[in-house]
Amino acid sequence: MANQIEGVTEQLLCCAAKEFLKKGYADASLRRISEAANTSTSSIYVRFGDKAGLFSAIVDGACDDFLKMCEEEIEIFNQNNSEMPFDDMISYKMGMMDRILDNIFDHFEAFKLLSSKAESSAFSNFIHRIAELEAAQTQHYIQAIHNDALESGRLSLSLLQTLSSAYWMGVFEIVVRDMDREEAKTYFLQLKRFFCCGWKDLFSPLP
């Protein structure tokens, strides 16, 4: 195999990110990417295999890190705090805000691709995967504290999954709308307040 020219890989990744942000995964052109990087499409195939591999090289690390963070936090909560009273649980979850925001702003471009430009790619279900984790944890928590939200019919599994998806779609509006850190923190607090009020109502017996 011929030696790869130094700097071409980095230039391709930079140009590819711009192309994916502008056109989305489905409509991105390897020809335009290679021309912008002053190289050939064969350089992409040699380094990344295909368009899917190129997109993965940009977003896979951020995707894996975020999912791993969520999984670790769920495991810690379930091991140590699974029977925490509702109001205490909300305060605990509020404490996760800065960590989530740090992760998002550390990989802002990748998350913009994942949340709004990944249709038709292997990463199109990114938010759905996070929402599934959230929904499963919420169901586990309901059972752990012996809440009757599901048994009583105040909450269904379909609604639980829908609310989890809506919440995480809302979180990633931070990158879709290009918020800065200060704006994002205010927005995140407002989003959490809205969902916390809704969850408190669902967790509480009807009068």
N, C-alpha and C. Protein backbone atom coordinates (compact mmCIF):
# COMPACT_ATOMS: atom_id res chain seq x y z
N MET A 1 0.85 -1.20 0.00
CA MET A 1 0.00 0.00 0.00
C MET A 1 0.89 1.25 0.00
N ALA A 2 0.53 2.21 -0.85
CA ALA A 2 1.32 3.44 -0.94
C ALA A 2 1.17 4.24 0.35
N ASN A 3 2.25 4.97 0.69
CA ASN A 3 2.18 5.80 1.88
C ASN A 3 1.15 6.91 1.70
N GLN A 4 0.37 7.18 2.73
CA GLN A 4 -0.62 8.23 2.66
C GLN A 4 0.04 9.58 2.90
N ILE A 5 -0.38 10.57 2.12
CA ILE A 5 0.20 11.91 2.22
C ILE A 5 -0.24 12.55 3.53
N GLU A 6 0.71 13.10 4.25
CA GLU A 6 0.42 13.70 5.55
C GLU A 6 -0.54 14.88 5.40
N GLY A 7 -1.52 14.94 6.26
CA GLY A 7 -2.46 16.05 6.28
C GLY A 7 -3.72 15.85 5.47
N VAL A 8 -3.71 14.88 4.56
CA VAL A 8 -4.88 14.68 3.69
C VAL A 8 -6.07 14.17 4.50
N THR A 9 -5.81 13.24 5.40
CA THR A 9 -6.91 12.69 6.22
C THR A 9 -7.61 13.79 7.00
N GLU A 10 -6.83 14.64 7.65
CA GLU A 10 -7.41 15.73 8.44
C GLU A 10 -8.19 16.70 7.56
N GLN A 11 -7.64 16.99 6.38
CA GLN A 11 -8.32 17.90 5.45
C GLN A 11 -9.63 17.30 4.94
N LEU A 12 -9.61 16.01 4.67
CA LEU A 12 -10.84 15.34 4.24
C LEU A 12 -11.91 15.39 5.33
N LEU A 13 -11.51 15.14 6.57
CA LEU A 13 -12.47 15.17 7.68
C LEU A 13 -13.07 16.56 7.85
N CYS A 14 -12.24 17.57 7.72
CA CYS A 14 -12.69 18.96 7.85
C CYS A 14 -13.68 19.31 6.73
N CYS A 15 -13.32 18.97 5.50
CA CYS A 15 -14.19 19.28 4.36
C CYS A 15 -15.46 18.44 4.39
N ALA A 16 -15.34 17.20 4.84
CA ALA A 16 -16.51 16.33 4.93
C ALA A 16 -17.50 16.87 5.95
N ALA A 17 -17.00 17.32 7.09
CA ALA A 17 -17.89 17.87 8.12
C ALA A 17 -18.68 19.05 7.57
N LYS A 18 -18.02 19.91 6.82
CA LYS A 18 -18.70 21.07 6.22
C LYS A 18 -19.76 20.63 5.22
N GLU A 19 -19.42 19.63 4.41
CA GLU A 19 -20.37 19.12 3.41
C GLU A 19 -21.58 18.46 4.08
N PHE A 20 -21.33 17.65 5.09
CA PHE A 20 -22.43 16.99 5.79
C PHE A 20 -23.32 18.00 6.51
N LEU A 21 -22.71 19.03 7.08
CA LEU A 21 -23.49 20.07 7.76
C LEU A 21 -24.36 20.85 6.78
N LYS A 22 -23.84 21.05 5.59
CA LYS A 22 -24.57 21.82 4.59
C LYS A 22 -25.64 21.00 3.89
N LYS A 23 -25.30 19.77 3.52
CA LYS A 23 -26.19 18.96 2.68
C LYS A 23 -26.90 17.83 3.42
N GLY A 24 -26.40 17.47 4.60
CA GLY A 24 -26.92 16.28 5.27
C GLY A 24 -26.25 15.04 4.70
N TYR A 25 -26.32 13.95 5.47
CA TYR A 25 -25.64 12.72 5.04
C TYR A 25 -26.13 12.24 3.68
N ALA A 26 -27.44 12.18 3.49
CA ALA A 26 -28.00 11.58 2.29
C ALA A 26 -27.57 12.31 1.02
N ASP A 27 -27.50 13.63 1.07
CA ASP A 27 -27.21 14.42 -0.14
C ASP A 27 -25.76 14.87 -0.24
N ALA A 28 -24.94 14.50 0.71
CA ALA A 28 -23.53 14.88 0.66
C ALA A 28 -22.84 14.17 -0.51
N SER A 29 -21.90 14.85 -1.13
CA SER A 29 -21.20 14.33 -2.30
C SER A 29 -19.73 14.09 -1.99
N LEU A 30 -19.27 12.87 -2.23
CA LEU A 30 -17.85 12.57 -2.04
C LEU A 30 -17.01 13.34 -3.04
N ARG A 31 -17.55 13.58 -4.21
CA ARG A 31 -16.80 14.35 -5.21
C ARG A 31 -16.56 15.77 -4.72
N ARG A 32 -17.60 16.41 -4.19
CA ARG A 32 -17.43 17.78 -3.67
C ARG A 32 -16.45 17.80 -2.49
N ILE A 33 -16.54 16.79 -1.64
CA ILE A 33 -15.64 16.72 -0.49
C ILE A 33 -14.20 16.60 -0.95
N SER A 34 -13.94 15.70 -1.88
CA SER A 34 -12.56 15.49 -2.35
C SER A 34 -12.03 16.72 -3.07
N GLU A 35 -12.89 17.38 -3.85
CA GLU A 35 -12.46 18.60 -4.54
C GLU A 35 -12.12 19.70 -3.54
N ALA A 36 -12.94 19.84 -2.51
CA ALA A 36 -12.68 20.86 -1.50
C ALA A 36 -11.38 20.58 -0.75
N ALA A 37 -11.04 19.30 -0.63
CA ALA A 37 -9.81 18.90 0.07
C ALA A 37 -8.61 18.82 -0.87
N ASN A 38 -8.82 19.20 -2.14
CA ASN A 38 -7.75 19.15 -3.15
C ASN A 38 -7.14 17.76 -3.28
N THR A 39 -8.01 16.77 -3.33
CA THR A 39 -7.55 15.40 -3.53
C THR A 39 -8.59 14.66 -4.37
N SER A 40 -8.46 13.35 -4.46
CA SER A 40 -9.38 12.56 -5.28
C SER A 40 -10.33 11.75 -4.41
N THR A 41 -11.42 11.29 -5.01
CA THR A 41 -12.36 10.46 -4.26
C THR A 41 -11.70 9.15 -3.82
N SER A 42 -10.71 8.71 -4.58
CA SER A 42 -10.02 7.48 -4.18
C SER A 42 -9.35 7.63 -2.82
N SER A 43 -8.94 8.86 -2.49
CA SER A 43 -8.36 9.12 -1.17
C SER A 43 -9.36 8.83 -0.06
N ILE A 44 -10.63 9.12 -0.34
CA ILE A 44 -11.69 8.82 0.64
C ILE A 44 -11.87 7.32 0.78
N TYR A 45 -11.94 6.63 -0.36
CA TYR A 45 -12.16 5.18 -0.32
C TYR A 45 -11.01 4.46 0.38
N VAL A 46 -9.79 4.92 0.13
CA VAL A 46 -8.62 4.28 0.76
C VAL A 46 -8.65 4.45 2.27
N ARG A 47 -9.02 5.65 2.72
CA ARG A 47 -8.95 5.96 4.15
C ARG A 47 -10.21 5.55 4.93
N PHE A 48 -11.37 5.68 4.30
CA PHE A 48 -12.62 5.52 5.05
C PHE A 48 -13.56 4.45 4.48
N GLY A 49 -13.25 3.93 3.34
CA GLY A 49 -14.06 2.88 2.74
C GLY A 49 -15.18 3.42 1.86
N ASP A 50 -16.00 4.28 2.41
CA ASP A 50 -17.13 4.85 1.67
C ASP A 50 -17.67 6.04 2.45
N LYS A 51 -18.81 6.57 1.98
CA LYS A 51 -19.39 7.74 2.65
C LYS A 51 -19.78 7.41 4.08
N ALA A 52 -20.30 6.20 4.30
CA ALA A 52 -20.69 5.80 5.65
C ALA A 52 -19.49 5.79 6.59
N GLY A 53 -18.37 5.30 6.11
CA GLY A 53 -17.16 5.26 6.92
C GLY A 53 -16.63 6.65 7.22
N LEU A 54 -16.76 7.55 6.25
CA LEU A 54 -16.32 8.93 6.44
C LEU A 54 -17.18 9.63 7.49
N PHE A 55 -18.49 9.46 7.39
CA PHE A 55 -19.40 10.06 8.37
C PHE A 55 -19.13 9.50 9.76
N SER A 56 -18.93 8.19 9.81
CA SER A 56 -18.65 7.53 11.09
C SER A 56 -17.38 8.08 11.73
N ALA A 57 -16.36 8.34 10.92
CA ALA A 57 -15.10 8.85 11.45
C ALA A 57 -15.28 10.20 12.14
N ILE A 58 -16.30 10.95 11.72
CA ILE A 58 -16.55 12.27 12.30
C ILE A 58 -17.40 12.19 13.56
N VAL A 59 -18.40 11.30 13.56
CA VAL A 59 -19.40 11.33 14.64
C VAL A 59 -19.33 10.16 15.62
N ASP A 60 -18.66 9.08 15.26
CA ASP A 60 -18.73 7.87 16.07
C ASP A 60 -18.21 8.08 17.50
N GLY A 61 -17.11 8.80 17.63
CA GLY A 61 -16.53 9.02 18.96
C GLY A 61 -17.48 9.77 19.88
N ALA A 62 -18.08 10.84 19.36
CA ALA A 62 -19.03 11.62 20.17
C ALA A 62 -20.25 10.80 20.52
N CYS A 63 -20.74 10.03 19.56
CA CYS A 63 -21.91 9.17 19.79
C CYS A 63 -21.62 8.15 20.89
N ASP A 64 -20.52 7.46 20.77
CA ASP A 64 -20.17 6.43 21.76
C ASP A 64 -19.95 7.02 23.14
N ASP A 65 -19.25 8.16 23.20
CA ASP A 65 -18.97 8.80 24.49
C ASP A 65 -20.26 9.21 25.20
N PHE A 66 -21.20 9.76 24.43
CA PHE A 66 -22.45 10.22 25.06
C PHE A 66 -23.28 9.05 25.55
N LEU A 67 -23.39 8.01 24.73
CA LEU A 67 -24.15 6.83 25.14
C LEU A 67 -23.51 6.16 26.35
N LYS A 68 -22.18 6.11 26.35
CA LYS A 68 -21.47 5.52 27.49
C LYS A 68 -21.71 6.33 28.75
N MET A 69 -21.68 7.66 28.64
CA MET A 69 -21.95 8.52 29.79
C MET A 69 -23.35 8.25 30.34
N CYS A 70 -24.33 8.14 29.45
CA CYS A 70 -25.71 7.88 29.88
C CYS A 70 -25.82 6.52 30.56
N GLU A 71 -25.20 5.51 29.97
CA GLU A 71 -25.26 4.15 30.53
C GLU A 71 -24.59 4.10 31.90
N GLU A 72 -23.44 4.77 32.04
CA GLU A 72 -22.74 4.78 33.32
C GLU A 72 -23.56 5.48 34.39
N GLU A 73 -24.17 6.59 34.03
CA GLU A 73 -24.97 7.34 34.99
C GLU A 73 -26.19 6.54 35.43
N ILE A 74 -26.81 5.85 34.49
CA ILE A 74 -27.96 5.01 34.82
C ILE A 74 -27.55 3.89 35.77
N GLU A 75 -26.41 3.28 35.49
CA GLU A 75 -25.93 2.19 36.35
C GLU A 75 -25.65 2.68 37.76
N ILE A 76 -25.00 3.84 37.87
CA ILE A 76 -24.69 4.41 39.19
C ILE A 76 -25.99 4.73 39.94
N PHE A 77 -26.94 5.34 39.25
CA PHE A 77 -28.21 5.70 39.89
C PHE A 77 -28.95 4.45 40.35
N ASN A 78 -29.02 3.45 39.49
CA ASN A 78 -29.77 2.24 39.84
C ASN A 78 -29.13 1.48 41.00
N GLN A 79 -27.81 1.56 41.10
CA GLN A 79 -27.11 0.86 42.18
C GLN A 79 -27.25 1.57 43.52
N ASN A 80 -27.24 2.91 43.48
CA ASN A 80 -27.15 3.66 44.73
C ASN A 80 -28.38 4.49 45.10
N ASN A 81 -29.21 4.81 44.12
CA ASN A 81 -30.29 5.76 44.39
C ASN A 81 -31.63 5.33 43.82
N SER A 82 -31.79 4.06 43.53
CA SER A 82 -32.98 3.62 42.79
C SER A 82 -34.29 3.85 43.54
N GLU A 83 -34.24 3.98 44.88
CA GLU A 83 -35.46 4.21 45.65
C GLU A 83 -35.54 5.64 46.18
N MET A 84 -34.77 6.52 45.60
CA MET A 84 -34.76 7.93 46.01
C MET A 84 -36.14 8.56 45.79
N PRO A 85 -36.65 9.33 46.76
CA PRO A 85 -37.93 10.01 46.57
C PRO A 85 -37.92 10.90 45.32
N PHE A 86 -39.10 11.11 44.75
CA PHE A 86 -39.21 11.80 43.47
C PHE A 86 -38.51 13.16 43.47
N ASP A 87 -38.79 14.01 44.46
CA ASP A 87 -38.20 15.35 44.47
C ASP A 87 -36.68 15.29 44.59
N ASP A 88 -36.17 14.35 45.36
CA ASP A 88 -34.72 14.18 45.48
C ASP A 88 -34.13 13.68 44.17
N MET A 89 -34.86 12.82 43.48
CA MET A 89 -34.40 12.31 42.19
C MET A 89 -34.29 13.44 41.18
N ILE A 90 -35.27 14.35 41.19
CA ILE A 90 -35.24 15.49 40.28
C ILE A 90 -34.01 16.35 40.55
N SER A 91 -33.73 16.61 41.82
CA SER A 91 -32.54 17.40 42.18
C SER A 91 -31.27 16.69 41.73
N TYR A 92 -31.24 15.39 41.90
CA TYR A 92 -30.08 14.59 41.47
C TYR A 92 -29.88 14.72 39.97
N LYS A 93 -30.98 14.62 39.22
CA LYS A 93 -30.89 14.71 37.76
C LYS A 93 -30.46 16.11 37.33
N MET A 94 -30.91 17.13 38.05
CA MET A 94 -30.50 18.50 37.75
C MET A 94 -28.98 18.64 37.85
N GLY A 95 -28.40 17.87 38.76
CA GLY A 95 -26.96 17.91 38.94
C GLY A 95 -26.18 17.37 37.76
N MET A 96 -26.87 16.68 36.86
CA MET A 96 -26.22 16.14 35.67
C MET A 96 -26.12 17.15 34.54
N MET A 97 -26.78 18.30 34.69
CA MET A 97 -26.87 19.26 33.59
C MET A 97 -25.52 19.69 33.05
N ASP A 98 -24.62 20.07 33.95
CA ASP A 98 -23.32 20.59 33.51
C ASP A 98 -22.52 19.52 32.77
N ARG A 99 -22.61 18.29 33.24
CA ARG A 99 -21.87 17.21 32.57
C ARG A 99 -22.41 16.98 31.15
N ILE A 100 -23.73 17.02 31.01
CA ILE A 100 -24.33 16.85 29.69
C ILE A 100 -23.94 18.01 28.78
N LEU A 101 -24.03 19.23 29.29
CA LEU A 101 -23.66 20.40 28.49
C LEU A 101 -22.19 20.37 28.11
N ASP A 102 -21.32 19.99 29.05
CA ASP A 102 -19.89 19.88 28.74
C ASP A 102 -19.67 18.92 27.58
N ASN A 103 -20.33 17.79 27.63
CA ASN A 103 -20.18 16.79 26.57
C ASN A 103 -20.66 17.33 25.24
N ILE A 104 -21.81 17.98 25.25
CA ILE A 104 -22.36 18.53 24.00
C ILE A 104 -21.44 19.59 23.42
N PHE A 105 -20.96 20.51 24.26
CA PHE A 105 -20.13 21.60 23.74
C PHE A 105 -18.71 21.15 23.39
N ASP A 106 -18.27 20.05 23.95
CA ASP A 106 -16.97 19.49 23.56
C ASP A 106 -17.01 18.88 22.17
N HIS A 107 -18.21 18.49 21.71
CA HIS A 107 -18.36 17.83 20.40
C HIS A 107 -19.53 18.46 19.64
N PHE A 108 -19.59 19.77 19.66
CA PHE A 108 -20.77 20.48 19.17
C PHE A 108 -21.08 20.13 17.72
N GLU A 109 -20.07 20.16 16.87
CA GLU A 109 -20.27 19.89 15.45
C GLU A 109 -20.76 18.46 15.21
N ALA A 110 -20.15 17.51 15.91
CA ALA A 110 -20.55 16.11 15.75
C ALA A 110 -22.00 15.92 16.18
N PHE A 111 -22.41 16.57 17.28
CA PHE A 111 -23.78 16.41 17.74
C PHE A 111 -24.78 17.11 16.81
N LYS A 112 -24.34 18.16 16.16
CA LYS A 112 -25.23 18.79 15.17
C LYS A 112 -25.46 17.83 14.01
N LEU A 113 -24.41 17.15 13.59
CA LEU A 113 -24.55 16.15 12.54
C LEU A 113 -25.45 15.00 13.00
N LEU A 114 -25.23 14.52 14.21
CA LEU A 114 -26.00 13.39 14.73
C LEU A 114 -27.47 13.72 14.90
N SER A 115 -27.77 14.93 15.33
CA SER A 115 -29.15 15.28 15.68
C SER A 115 -29.96 15.83 14.52
N SER A 116 -29.30 16.32 13.47
CA SER A 116 -30.09 16.96 12.40
C SER A 116 -29.63 16.66 10.99
N LYS A 117 -28.52 15.94 10.83
CA LYS A 117 -27.98 15.70 9.49
C LYS A 117 -27.69 14.24 9.20
N ALA A 118 -28.16 13.34 10.06
CA ALA A 118 -27.77 11.93 9.96
C ALA A 118 -28.81 11.03 9.29
N GLU A 119 -29.88 11.61 8.77
CA GLU A 119 -30.92 10.79 8.14
C GLU A 119 -30.33 9.93 7.02
N SER A 120 -30.73 8.68 6.97
CA SER A 120 -30.26 7.67 6.00
C SER A 120 -28.90 7.08 6.37
N SER A 121 -28.31 7.52 7.47
CA SER A 121 -27.04 6.96 7.91
C SER A 121 -27.29 5.95 9.03
N ALA A 122 -26.23 5.25 9.41
CA ALA A 122 -26.33 4.29 10.52
C ALA A 122 -26.55 4.97 11.86
N PHE A 123 -26.43 6.30 11.89
CA PHE A 123 -26.56 7.06 13.14
C PHE A 123 -27.90 7.80 13.23
N SER A 124 -28.81 7.51 12.32
CA SER A 124 -30.08 8.23 12.30
C SER A 124 -30.93 7.98 13.55
N ASN A 125 -30.62 6.91 14.28
CA ASN A 125 -31.39 6.57 15.48
C ASN A 125 -30.68 7.00 16.76
N PHE A 126 -29.73 7.92 16.66
CA PHE A 126 -28.94 8.34 17.83
C PHE A 126 -29.82 8.79 18.99
N ILE A 127 -30.72 9.74 18.74
CA ILE A 127 -31.57 10.25 19.81
C ILE A 127 -32.51 9.16 20.31
N HIS A 128 -32.99 8.33 19.41
CA HIS A 128 -33.87 7.22 19.81
C HIS A 128 -33.16 6.28 20.77
N ARG A 129 -31.88 6.03 20.54
CA ARG A 129 -31.13 5.13 21.42
C ARG A 129 -31.02 5.71 22.83
N ILE A 130 -30.77 7.02 22.92
CA ILE A 130 -30.71 7.66 24.23
C ILE A 130 -32.08 7.61 24.91
N ALA A 131 -33.12 7.89 24.13
CA ALA A 131 -34.48 7.89 24.67
C ALA A 131 -34.87 6.51 25.19
N GLU A 132 -34.43 5.47 24.52
CA GLU A 132 -34.72 4.11 24.99
C GLU A 132 -34.07 3.85 26.34
N LEU A 133 -32.83 4.31 26.51
CA LEU A 133 -32.16 4.16 27.80
C LEU A 133 -32.92 4.91 28.89
N GLU A 134 -33.33 6.12 28.57
CA GLU A 134 -34.07 6.96 29.53
C GLU A 134 -35.40 6.31 29.91
N ALA A 135 -36.11 5.81 28.92
CA ALA A 135 -37.41 5.19 29.18
C ALA A 135 -37.27 3.95 30.05
N ALA A 136 -36.25 3.14 29.76
CA ALA A 136 -36.02 1.92 30.55
C ALA A 136 -35.68 2.27 31.99
N GLN A 137 -34.85 3.32 32.18
CA GLN A 137 -34.50 3.72 33.54
C GLN A 137 -35.73 4.24 34.29
N THR A 138 -36.54 5.03 33.60
CA THR A 138 -37.74 5.57 34.25
C THR A 138 -38.68 4.45 34.67
N GLN A 139 -38.85 3.45 33.82
CA GLN A 139 -39.70 2.31 34.17
C GLN A 139 -39.13 1.57 35.38
N HIS A 140 -37.81 1.40 35.40
CA HIS A 140 -37.15 0.75 36.54
C HIS A 140 -37.37 1.56 37.82
N TYR A 141 -37.26 2.88 37.71
CA TYR A 141 -37.44 3.75 38.88
C TYR A 141 -38.87 3.68 39.41
N ILE A 142 -39.84 3.69 38.50
CA ILE A 142 -41.25 3.59 38.90
C ILE A 142 -41.49 2.33 39.71
N GLN A 143 -40.91 1.24 39.25
CA GLN A 143 -41.07 -0.04 39.95
C GLN A 143 -40.33 -0.02 41.29
N ALA A 144 -39.14 0.59 41.32
CA ALA A 144 -38.33 0.60 42.54
C ALA A 144 -38.99 1.38 43.67
N ILE A 145 -39.68 2.47 43.33
CA ILE A 145 -40.31 3.27 44.38
C ILE A 145 -41.79 2.88 44.58
N HIS A 146 -42.21 1.84 43.89
CA HIS A 146 -43.57 1.31 44.02
C HIS A 146 -44.63 2.37 43.69
N ASN A 147 -44.33 3.14 42.64
CA ASN A 147 -45.30 4.13 42.18
C ASN A 147 -46.32 3.44 41.26
N ASP A 148 -47.56 3.89 41.32
CA ASP A 148 -48.61 3.21 40.56
C ASP A 148 -48.96 3.91 39.24
N ALA A 149 -48.04 4.76 38.74
CA ALA A 149 -48.33 5.51 37.51
C ALA A 149 -48.71 4.60 36.35
N LEU A 150 -47.97 3.51 36.18
CA LEU A 150 -48.27 2.58 35.09
C LEU A 150 -49.48 1.71 35.42
N GLU A 151 -49.53 1.20 36.63
CA GLU A 151 -50.63 0.30 37.01
C GLU A 151 -51.98 1.01 36.97
N SER A 152 -51.98 2.27 37.35
CA SER A 152 -53.24 3.03 37.41
C SER A 152 -53.70 3.50 36.03
N GLY A 153 -52.79 3.51 35.07
CA GLY A 153 -53.13 3.99 33.74
C GLY A 153 -52.83 5.46 33.52
N ARG A 154 -52.31 6.15 34.56
CA ARG A 154 -51.93 7.56 34.36
C ARG A 154 -50.81 7.67 33.34
N LEU A 155 -50.01 6.62 33.22
CA LEU A 155 -48.89 6.58 32.30
C LEU A 155 -48.92 5.23 31.58
N SER A 156 -48.67 5.27 30.27
CA SER A 156 -48.54 4.04 29.49
C SER A 156 -47.10 3.94 29.00
N LEU A 157 -46.69 2.74 28.59
CA LEU A 157 -45.34 2.57 28.05
C LEU A 157 -45.16 3.39 26.78
N SER A 158 -46.22 3.50 25.98
CA SER A 158 -46.13 4.30 24.76
C SER A 158 -45.88 5.76 25.08
N LEU A 159 -46.61 6.28 26.07
CA LEU A 159 -46.41 7.68 26.47
C LEU A 159 -45.03 7.86 27.09
N LEU A 160 -44.59 6.91 27.88
CA LEU A 160 -43.27 6.97 28.49
C LEU A 160 -42.19 7.10 27.42
N GLN A 161 -42.27 6.28 26.39
CA GLN A 161 -41.28 6.31 25.32
C GLN A 161 -41.37 7.60 24.51
N THR A 162 -42.61 8.07 24.30
CA THR A 162 -42.80 9.32 23.56
C THR A 162 -42.21 10.51 24.32
N LEU A 163 -42.45 10.57 25.63
CA LEU A 163 -41.93 11.66 26.44
C LEU A 163 -40.40 11.63 26.50
N SER A 164 -39.83 10.45 26.59
CA SER A 164 -38.37 10.33 26.61
C SER A 164 -37.77 10.82 25.30
N SER A 165 -38.40 10.46 24.19
CA SER A 165 -37.92 10.93 22.88
C SER A 165 -38.05 12.44 22.76
N ALA A 166 -39.20 12.97 23.19
CA ALA A 166 -39.43 14.42 23.10
C ALA A 166 -38.42 15.19 23.94
N TYR A 167 -38.11 14.66 25.12
CA TYR A 167 -37.15 15.33 26.00
C TYR A 167 -35.78 15.42 25.33
N TRP A 168 -35.28 14.30 24.81
CA TRP A 168 -33.94 14.31 24.23
C TRP A 168 -33.87 15.05 22.91
N MET A 169 -34.97 15.03 22.16
CA MET A 169 -35.01 15.89 20.96
C MET A 169 -34.91 17.34 21.38
N GLY A 170 -35.57 17.67 22.49
CA GLY A 170 -35.49 19.03 23.01
C GLY A 170 -34.09 19.40 23.45
N VAL A 171 -33.41 18.47 24.11
CA VAL A 171 -32.03 18.72 24.56
C VAL A 171 -31.14 19.06 23.37
N PHE A 172 -31.27 18.31 22.30
CA PHE A 172 -30.36 18.51 21.17
C PHE A 172 -30.78 19.65 20.25
N GLU A 173 -31.89 20.33 20.59
CA GLU A 173 -32.17 21.60 19.92
C GLU A 173 -31.08 22.62 20.25
N ILE A 174 -30.34 22.37 21.31
CA ILE A 174 -29.20 23.23 21.66
C ILE A 174 -28.24 23.36 20.49
N VAL A 175 -27.94 22.24 19.83
CA VAL A 175 -27.02 22.28 18.70
C VAL A 175 -27.73 22.64 17.41
N VAL A 176 -28.98 22.17 17.25
CA VAL A 176 -29.73 22.49 16.04
C VAL A 176 -29.87 24.00 15.89
N ARG A 177 -30.07 24.69 17.02
CA ARG A 177 -30.29 26.14 17.01
C ARG A 177 -29.02 26.94 17.29
N ASP A 178 -27.88 26.25 17.33
CA ASP A 178 -26.58 26.93 17.51
C ASP A 178 -26.55 27.83 18.74
N MET A 179 -27.06 27.34 19.87
CA MET A 179 -27.03 28.13 21.09
C MET A 179 -25.62 28.22 21.65
N ASP A 180 -25.32 29.36 22.29
CA ASP A 180 -24.06 29.43 23.02
C ASP A 180 -24.26 28.82 24.40
N ARG A 181 -23.18 28.71 25.17
CA ARG A 181 -23.25 27.99 26.44
C ARG A 181 -24.24 28.64 27.41
N GLU A 182 -24.23 29.94 27.52
CA GLU A 182 -25.11 30.63 28.46
C GLU A 182 -26.58 30.44 28.07
N GLU A 183 -26.87 30.62 26.79
CA GLU A 183 -28.24 30.43 26.31
C GLU A 183 -28.68 28.99 26.50
N ALA A 184 -27.76 28.05 26.23
CA ALA A 184 -28.09 26.63 26.36
C ALA A 184 -28.43 26.26 27.80
N LYS A 185 -27.70 26.82 28.75
CA LYS A 185 -27.96 26.49 30.15
C LYS A 185 -29.34 26.98 30.58
N THR A 186 -29.68 28.21 30.19
CA THR A 186 -31.01 28.75 30.51
C THR A 186 -32.10 27.91 29.86
N TYR A 187 -31.90 27.59 28.60
CA TYR A 187 -32.87 26.77 27.86
C TYR A 187 -33.03 25.39 28.50
N PHE A 188 -31.91 24.78 28.87
CA PHE A 188 -31.93 23.44 29.46
C PHE A 188 -32.71 23.44 30.78
N LEU A 189 -32.51 24.47 31.59
CA LEU A 189 -33.26 24.60 32.84
C LEU A 189 -34.76 24.71 32.59
N GLN A 190 -35.12 25.52 31.59
CA GLN A 190 -36.53 25.68 31.25
C GLN A 190 -37.13 24.36 30.76
N LEU A 191 -36.38 23.66 29.93
CA LEU A 191 -36.85 22.37 29.42
C LEU A 191 -37.06 21.37 30.55
N LYS A 192 -36.08 21.33 31.47
CA LYS A 192 -36.19 20.41 32.59
C LYS A 192 -37.38 20.77 33.50
N ARG A 193 -37.59 22.05 33.74
CA ARG A 193 -38.72 22.47 34.57
C ARG A 193 -40.03 22.00 33.96
N PHE A 194 -40.16 22.16 32.67
CA PHE A 194 -41.38 21.75 31.98
C PHE A 194 -41.62 20.24 32.14
N PHE A 195 -40.59 19.45 31.88
CA PHE A 195 -40.75 18.00 31.96
C PHE A 195 -40.90 17.53 33.41
N CYS A 196 -40.22 18.18 34.33
CA CYS A 196 -40.35 17.79 35.74
C CYS A 196 -41.78 17.99 36.24
N CYS A 197 -42.40 19.10 35.83
CA CYS A 197 -43.79 19.35 36.23
C CYS A 197 -44.71 18.28 35.66
N GLY A 198 -44.48 17.91 34.42
CA GLY A 198 -45.29 16.87 33.80
C GLY A 198 -45.11 15.52 34.47
N TRP A 199 -43.86 15.16 34.74
CA TRP A 199 -43.60 13.87 35.40
C TRP A 199 -44.19 13.85 36.81
N LYS A 200 -44.09 14.97 37.51
CA LYS A 200 -44.64 15.01 38.87
C LYS A 200 -46.15 14.76 38.85
N ASP A 201 -46.81 15.32 37.85
CA ASP A 201 -48.25 15.10 37.72
C ASP A 201 -48.56 13.63 37.43
N LEU A 202 -47.78 13.01 36.54
CA LEU A 202 -48.00 11.60 36.20
C LEU A 202 -47.70 10.68 37.38
N PHE A 203 -46.74 11.06 38.19
CA PHE A 203 -46.36 10.23 39.35
C PHE A 203 -47.34 10.39 40.52
N SER A 204 -48.15 11.45 40.49
CA SER A 204 -49.04 11.74 41.63
C SER A 204 -50.43 11.16 41.39
N PRO A 205 -51.03 10.56 42.43
CA PRO A 205 -52.39 10.01 42.29
C PRO A 205 -53.38 11.11 41.92
N LEU A 206 -54.37 10.74 41.14
CA LEU A 206 -55.40 11.70 40.77
C LEU A 206 -56.24 12.05 42.00
N PRO A 207 -56.72 13.29 42.11
CA PRO A 207 -57.53 13.68 43.28
C PRO A 207 -58.88 12.95 43.28
